[in-house]
Amino acid sequence: VQLQASGGGLVQAGGSLRLSCAASGSPSDYPAIGWFRQAPGKEREGISCLSSSDGSTYYADSVKGRFTIFRESDKKLVFLQMNSLKPEDTAVYYCATGSCPRPDLQDYWGQGTQVTVSS
């Protein structure tokens, strides 16, 4: 399984970005795909997850109501729509597959994509 994250960039507070995670292999290889982020000096945290089996979702309190995780019908492209961005959302964002949302239980990671939110 290979994952590739993209879509990061620089945005002003209140703006929006959409991150994409492209997954190779069979959907059965990744029971869930999650988005994680790591800000400078902080631990990596799981912020949103999407189950491949039943479509259930998880959102960390810090992003609930602002971020939405969804996928294309073939289940191999997962998006994270980020609205109402705040400077504290600035971080490197990663997608991964495993037992979401714990970063230590992920099996495969994509490379990170930088999101910077200016005030």
N, C-alpha and C. Protein backbone atom coordinates (compact mmCIF):
# COMPACT_ATOMS: atom_id res chain seq x y z
N VAL A 1 0.84 -1.19 0.00
CA VAL A 1 0.00 0.00 0.00
C VAL A 1 0.88 1.25 0.00
N GLN A 2 0.57 2.15 -0.89
CA GLN A 2 1.26 3.43 -0.92
C GLN A 2 0.23 4.54 -0.83
N LEU A 3 0.55 5.54 -0.05
CA LEU A 3 -0.34 6.67 0.12
C LEU A 3 0.39 7.94 -0.28
N GLN A 4 -0.32 8.83 -0.94
CA GLN A 4 0.29 10.09 -1.34
C GLN A 4 -0.65 11.23 -1.00
N ALA A 5 -0.19 12.10 -0.13
CA ALA A 5 -0.99 13.25 0.27
C ALA A 5 -0.59 14.48 -0.52
N SER A 6 -1.55 15.32 -0.81
CA SER A 6 -1.29 16.56 -1.54
C SER A 6 -2.36 17.58 -1.21
N GLY A 7 -2.13 18.81 -1.64
CA GLY A 7 -3.15 19.84 -1.49
C GLY A 7 -2.85 20.91 -0.46
N GLY A 8 -1.73 20.77 0.26
CA GLY A 8 -1.40 21.78 1.25
C GLY A 8 -1.04 23.10 0.61
N GLY A 9 -0.88 24.10 1.45
CA GLY A 9 -0.51 25.41 0.94
C GLY A 9 -0.63 26.46 2.00
N LEU A 10 -0.56 27.70 1.56
CA LEU A 10 -0.66 28.86 2.45
C LEU A 10 -2.03 29.50 2.25
N VAL A 11 -2.72 29.73 3.35
CA VAL A 11 -4.06 30.30 3.28
C VAL A 11 -4.25 31.25 4.46
N GLN A 12 -5.08 32.24 4.27
CA GLN A 12 -5.39 33.15 5.36
C GLN A 12 -6.40 32.53 6.31
N ALA A 13 -6.37 32.99 7.53
CA ALA A 13 -7.36 32.53 8.51
C ALA A 13 -8.76 32.74 7.98
N GLY A 14 -9.60 31.73 8.19
CA GLY A 14 -10.95 31.77 7.66
C GLY A 14 -11.10 31.13 6.30
N GLY A 15 -9.99 30.86 5.67
CA GLY A 15 -10.01 30.28 4.35
C GLY A 15 -10.20 28.77 4.37
N SER A 16 -10.08 28.18 3.19
CA SER A 16 -10.31 26.75 3.03
C SER A 16 -9.21 26.11 2.19
N LEU A 17 -9.01 24.84 2.44
CA LEU A 17 -8.12 24.02 1.63
C LEU A 17 -8.72 22.63 1.55
N ARG A 18 -8.40 21.93 0.49
CA ARG A 18 -8.82 20.54 0.37
C ARG A 18 -7.57 19.69 0.18
N LEU A 19 -7.36 18.76 1.07
CA LEU A 19 -6.25 17.81 0.96
C LEU A 19 -6.75 16.54 0.30
N SER A 20 -5.85 15.91 -0.43
CA SER A 20 -6.17 14.65 -1.11
C SER A 20 -5.19 13.58 -0.67
N CYS A 21 -5.69 12.38 -0.55
CA CYS A 21 -4.85 11.22 -0.24
C CYS A 21 -5.17 10.14 -1.26
N ALA A 22 -4.17 9.84 -2.09
CA ALA A 22 -4.33 8.79 -3.10
C ALA A 22 -3.73 7.51 -2.57
N ALA A 23 -4.50 6.45 -2.61
CA ALA A 23 -4.06 5.16 -2.09
C ALA A 23 -3.95 4.14 -3.21
N SER A 24 -2.87 3.42 -3.22
CA SER A 24 -2.70 2.34 -4.19
C SER A 24 -3.20 1.03 -3.59
N GLY A 25 -3.18 0.00 -4.36
CA GLY A 25 -3.55 -1.29 -3.84
C GLY A 25 -5.04 -1.50 -3.76
N SER A 26 -5.44 -2.53 -3.07
CA SER A 26 -6.85 -2.90 -2.95
C SER A 26 -7.48 -2.22 -1.74
N PRO A 27 -8.72 -1.79 -1.85
CA PRO A 27 -9.38 -1.18 -0.69
C PRO A 27 -9.36 -2.06 0.54
N SER A 28 -9.29 -3.36 0.37
CA SER A 28 -9.26 -4.25 1.53
C SER A 28 -7.94 -4.14 2.29
N ASP A 29 -6.96 -3.50 1.64
CA ASP A 29 -5.66 -3.33 2.30
C ASP A 29 -5.71 -2.23 3.35
N TYR A 30 -6.71 -1.37 3.30
CA TYR A 30 -6.75 -0.25 4.24
C TYR A 30 -8.15 -0.12 4.79
N PRO A 31 -8.40 -0.74 5.94
CA PRO A 31 -9.73 -0.70 6.55
C PRO A 31 -10.19 0.70 6.93
N ALA A 32 -9.23 1.57 7.14
CA ALA A 32 -9.59 2.95 7.43
C ALA A 32 -8.45 3.84 6.96
N ILE A 33 -8.80 5.01 6.50
CA ILE A 33 -7.79 6.02 6.15
C ILE A 33 -8.03 7.23 7.04
N GLY A 34 -6.95 7.72 7.59
CA GLY A 34 -7.07 8.85 8.49
C GLY A 34 -6.14 9.97 8.10
N TRP A 35 -6.48 11.15 8.60
CA TRP A 35 -5.62 12.32 8.45
C TRP A 35 -5.03 12.66 9.81
N PHE A 36 -3.76 12.95 9.79
CA PHE A 36 -3.02 13.28 10.99
C PHE A 36 -2.28 14.58 10.73
N ARG A 37 -1.90 15.23 11.79
CA ARG A 37 -1.10 16.43 11.61
C ARG A 37 -0.10 16.56 12.74
N GLN A 38 0.98 17.26 12.41
CA GLN A 38 2.02 17.49 13.41
C GLN A 38 2.50 18.93 13.28
N ALA A 39 2.25 19.68 14.32
CA ALA A 39 2.71 21.06 14.37
C ALA A 39 4.10 21.09 15.00
N PRO A 40 4.88 22.13 14.72
CA PRO A 40 6.23 22.22 15.29
C PRO A 40 6.20 22.11 16.82
N GLY A 41 7.02 21.22 17.33
CA GLY A 41 7.12 21.06 18.78
C GLY A 41 6.00 20.28 19.42
N LYS A 42 5.10 19.75 18.61
CA LYS A 42 3.96 19.00 19.14
C LYS A 42 3.96 17.58 18.61
N GLU A 43 3.24 16.73 19.31
CA GLU A 43 3.13 15.35 18.87
C GLU A 43 2.15 15.24 17.70
N ARG A 44 2.34 14.22 16.92
CA ARG A 44 1.42 13.96 15.82
C ARG A 44 0.07 13.54 16.40
N GLU A 45 -1.00 14.07 15.82
CA GLU A 45 -2.33 13.76 16.32
C GLU A 45 -3.24 13.32 15.18
N GLY A 46 -4.13 12.41 15.49
CA GLY A 46 -5.14 12.00 14.52
C GLY A 46 -6.30 12.96 14.57
N ILE A 47 -6.70 13.50 13.42
CA ILE A 47 -7.75 14.50 13.41
C ILE A 47 -9.02 14.03 12.71
N SER A 48 -8.91 13.08 11.80
CA SER A 48 -10.10 12.63 11.11
C SER A 48 -9.86 11.26 10.50
N CYS A 49 -10.87 10.41 10.55
CA CYS A 49 -10.76 9.05 10.03
C CYS A 49 -12.02 8.68 9.26
N LEU A 50 -11.82 7.80 8.30
CA LEU A 50 -12.94 7.31 7.50
C LEU A 50 -12.81 5.80 7.36
N SER A 51 -13.83 5.10 7.81
CA SER A 51 -13.83 3.65 7.70
C SER A 51 -14.17 3.24 6.27
N SER A 52 -13.41 2.30 5.73
CA SER A 52 -13.69 1.80 4.38
C SER A 52 -14.87 0.85 4.37
N SER A 53 -15.18 0.24 5.49
CA SER A 53 -16.23 -0.78 5.52
C SER A 53 -17.63 -0.19 5.63
N ASP A 54 -17.80 0.75 6.56
CA ASP A 54 -19.15 1.27 6.77
C ASP A 54 -19.26 2.78 6.61
N GLY A 55 -18.15 3.41 6.24
CA GLY A 55 -18.19 4.85 5.99
C GLY A 55 -18.28 5.70 7.24
N SER A 56 -18.13 5.11 8.40
CA SER A 56 -18.18 5.90 9.62
C SER A 56 -16.99 6.84 9.70
N THR A 57 -17.18 7.94 10.38
CA THR A 57 -16.13 8.96 10.46
C THR A 57 -15.82 9.31 11.91
N TYR A 58 -14.64 9.87 12.05
CA TYR A 58 -14.19 10.37 13.34
C TYR A 58 -13.58 11.75 13.13
N TYR A 59 -13.84 12.65 14.04
CA TYR A 59 -13.22 13.97 14.02
C TYR A 59 -12.73 14.31 15.42
N ALA A 60 -11.53 14.82 15.50
CA ALA A 60 -11.04 15.35 16.76
C ALA A 60 -11.85 16.60 17.10
N ASP A 61 -11.97 16.87 18.37
CA ASP A 61 -12.74 18.05 18.80
C ASP A 61 -12.21 19.33 18.17
N SER A 62 -10.92 19.38 17.96
CA SER A 62 -10.30 20.60 17.46
C SER A 62 -10.72 20.93 16.03
N VAL A 63 -11.23 19.96 15.29
CA VAL A 63 -11.60 20.21 13.90
C VAL A 63 -13.07 19.93 13.61
N LYS A 64 -13.78 19.42 14.59
CA LYS A 64 -15.18 19.06 14.40
C LYS A 64 -15.98 20.28 13.98
N GLY A 65 -16.78 20.09 12.96
CA GLY A 65 -17.60 21.18 12.45
C GLY A 65 -16.92 22.04 11.40
N ARG A 66 -15.62 21.89 11.26
CA ARG A 66 -14.87 22.69 10.27
C ARG A 66 -14.28 21.81 9.17
N PHE A 67 -13.89 20.59 9.50
CA PHE A 67 -13.26 19.69 8.55
C PHE A 67 -14.24 18.57 8.20
N THR A 68 -14.14 18.11 6.96
CA THR A 68 -14.97 17.00 6.50
C THR A 68 -14.11 16.02 5.73
N ILE A 69 -14.22 14.75 6.09
CA ILE A 69 -13.49 13.71 5.38
C ILE A 69 -14.47 12.97 4.49
N PHE A 70 -14.06 12.71 3.25
CA PHE A 70 -14.93 11.97 2.33
C PHE A 70 -14.05 11.32 1.26
N ARG A 71 -14.63 10.45 0.48
CA ARG A 71 -13.83 9.73 -0.52
C ARG A 71 -14.60 9.64 -1.83
N GLU A 72 -13.85 9.37 -2.86
CA GLU A 72 -14.46 9.06 -4.14
C GLU A 72 -15.02 7.65 -4.09
N SER A 73 -15.92 7.34 -5.01
CA SER A 73 -16.65 6.08 -4.96
C SER A 73 -15.74 4.87 -5.07
N ASP A 74 -14.58 5.02 -5.71
CA ASP A 74 -13.71 3.84 -5.83
C ASP A 74 -12.90 3.60 -4.56
N LYS A 75 -13.07 4.50 -3.56
CA LYS A 75 -12.46 4.34 -2.25
C LYS A 75 -10.95 4.53 -2.24
N LYS A 76 -10.36 4.90 -3.36
CA LYS A 76 -8.91 5.03 -3.39
C LYS A 76 -8.44 6.47 -3.27
N LEU A 77 -9.35 7.43 -3.29
CA LEU A 77 -8.99 8.83 -3.13
C LEU A 77 -9.83 9.39 -1.99
N VAL A 78 -9.14 9.82 -0.95
CA VAL A 78 -9.82 10.34 0.24
C VAL A 78 -9.45 11.81 0.40
N PHE A 79 -10.44 12.62 0.66
CA PHE A 79 -10.24 14.06 0.78
C PHE A 79 -10.47 14.52 2.21
N LEU A 80 -9.81 15.61 2.54
CA LEU A 80 -10.09 16.31 3.78
C LEU A 80 -10.38 17.76 3.41
N GLN A 81 -11.65 18.13 3.48
CA GLN A 81 -12.05 19.50 3.23
C GLN A 81 -11.92 20.28 4.52
N MET A 82 -11.10 21.31 4.47
CA MET A 82 -10.83 22.10 5.68
C MET A 82 -11.36 23.51 5.47
N ASN A 83 -12.35 23.87 6.27
CA ASN A 83 -12.94 25.19 6.20
C ASN A 83 -12.67 25.96 7.49
N SER A 84 -12.89 27.25 7.42
CA SER A 84 -12.71 28.10 8.61
C SER A 84 -11.37 27.85 9.28
N LEU A 85 -10.34 27.81 8.47
CA LEU A 85 -9.01 27.49 8.99
C LEU A 85 -8.53 28.55 9.97
N LYS A 86 -7.79 28.07 10.95
CA LYS A 86 -7.25 28.93 12.00
C LYS A 86 -5.72 28.82 12.00
N PRO A 87 -5.03 29.82 12.52
CA PRO A 87 -3.57 29.71 12.58
C PRO A 87 -3.10 28.45 13.32
N GLU A 88 -3.86 28.01 14.30
CA GLU A 88 -3.46 26.81 15.04
C GLU A 88 -3.64 25.53 14.23
N ASP A 89 -4.20 25.62 13.05
CA ASP A 89 -4.26 24.47 12.15
C ASP A 89 -2.96 24.29 11.37
N THR A 90 -2.07 25.23 11.50
CA THR A 90 -0.79 25.14 10.80
C THR A 90 -0.03 23.91 11.26
N ALA A 91 0.34 23.07 10.31
CA ALA A 91 1.01 21.80 10.62
C ALA A 91 1.36 21.10 9.32
N VAL A 92 2.14 20.05 9.46
CA VAL A 92 2.32 19.12 8.35
C VAL A 92 1.22 18.07 8.48
N TYR A 93 0.49 17.87 7.41
CA TYR A 93 -0.63 16.93 7.40
C TYR A 93 -0.24 15.65 6.66
N TYR A 94 -0.61 14.54 7.26
CA TYR A 94 -0.31 13.23 6.70
C TYR A 94 -1.58 12.41 6.58
N CYS A 95 -1.64 11.55 5.60
CA CYS A 95 -2.67 10.53 5.59
C CYS A 95 -2.00 9.18 5.89
N ALA A 96 -2.78 8.30 6.47
CA ALA A 96 -2.24 7.01 6.87
C ALA A 96 -3.39 6.01 6.95
N THR A 97 -3.02 4.76 6.97
CA THR A 97 -4.02 3.71 7.11
C THR A 97 -3.63 2.79 8.25
N GLY A 98 -4.62 2.40 9.02
CA GLY A 98 -4.39 1.55 10.17
C GLY A 98 -5.55 1.68 11.12
N SER A 99 -5.27 1.58 12.40
CA SER A 99 -6.31 1.70 13.42
C SER A 99 -6.39 3.16 13.83
N CYS A 100 -7.30 3.85 13.20
CA CYS A 100 -7.42 5.29 13.38
C CYS A 100 -8.16 5.57 14.68
N PRO A 101 -7.89 6.65 15.46
CA PRO A 101 -7.01 7.75 15.09
C PRO A 101 -5.62 7.75 15.75
N ARG A 102 -5.22 6.62 16.28
CA ARG A 102 -3.95 6.60 16.99
C ARG A 102 -2.78 6.56 16.02
N PRO A 103 -1.91 7.54 16.08
CA PRO A 103 -0.76 7.57 15.17
C PRO A 103 0.13 6.35 15.31
N ASP A 104 0.23 5.80 16.54
CA ASP A 104 1.13 4.66 16.75
C ASP A 104 0.57 3.36 16.20
N LEU A 105 -0.67 3.37 15.74
CA LEU A 105 -1.29 2.16 15.21
C LEU A 105 -1.49 2.20 13.71
N GLN A 106 -0.81 3.11 13.05
CA GLN A 106 -0.92 3.19 11.60
C GLN A 106 0.09 2.28 10.93
N ASP A 107 -0.32 1.64 9.85
CA ASP A 107 0.54 0.70 9.16
C ASP A 107 1.33 1.35 8.02
N TYR A 108 0.69 2.27 7.34
CA TYR A 108 1.33 2.93 6.20
C TYR A 108 1.06 4.43 6.29
N TRP A 109 2.08 5.19 5.91
CA TRP A 109 1.99 6.64 5.93
C TRP A 109 2.28 7.19 4.55
N GLY A 110 1.58 8.25 4.22
CA GLY A 110 1.96 9.03 3.06
C GLY A 110 2.96 10.10 3.49
N GLN A 111 3.53 10.77 2.50
CA GLN A 111 4.42 11.87 2.85
C GLN A 111 3.57 13.04 3.31
N GLY A 112 4.13 13.93 4.04
CA GLY A 112 3.36 15.04 4.57
C GLY A 112 3.15 16.15 3.56
N THR A 113 2.15 16.94 3.82
CA THR A 113 1.90 18.15 3.01
C THR A 113 1.69 19.30 3.98
N GLN A 114 2.41 20.38 3.74
CA GLN A 114 2.42 21.50 4.68
C GLN A 114 1.17 22.37 4.50
N VAL A 115 0.54 22.67 5.62
CA VAL A 115 -0.58 23.62 5.64
C VAL A 115 -0.18 24.77 6.55
N THR A 116 -0.19 25.96 6.03
CA THR A 116 0.14 27.14 6.80
C THR A 116 -1.02 28.12 6.75
N VAL A 117 -1.50 28.50 7.93
CA VAL A 117 -2.62 29.42 8.01
C VAL A 117 -2.12 30.72 8.64
N SER A 118 -2.20 31.78 7.89
CA SER A 118 -1.71 33.07 8.38
C SER A 118 -2.86 33.83 9.06
N SER A 119 -2.49 34.61 10.05
CA SER A 119 -3.50 35.39 10.79
C SER A 119 -3.74 36.75 10.16
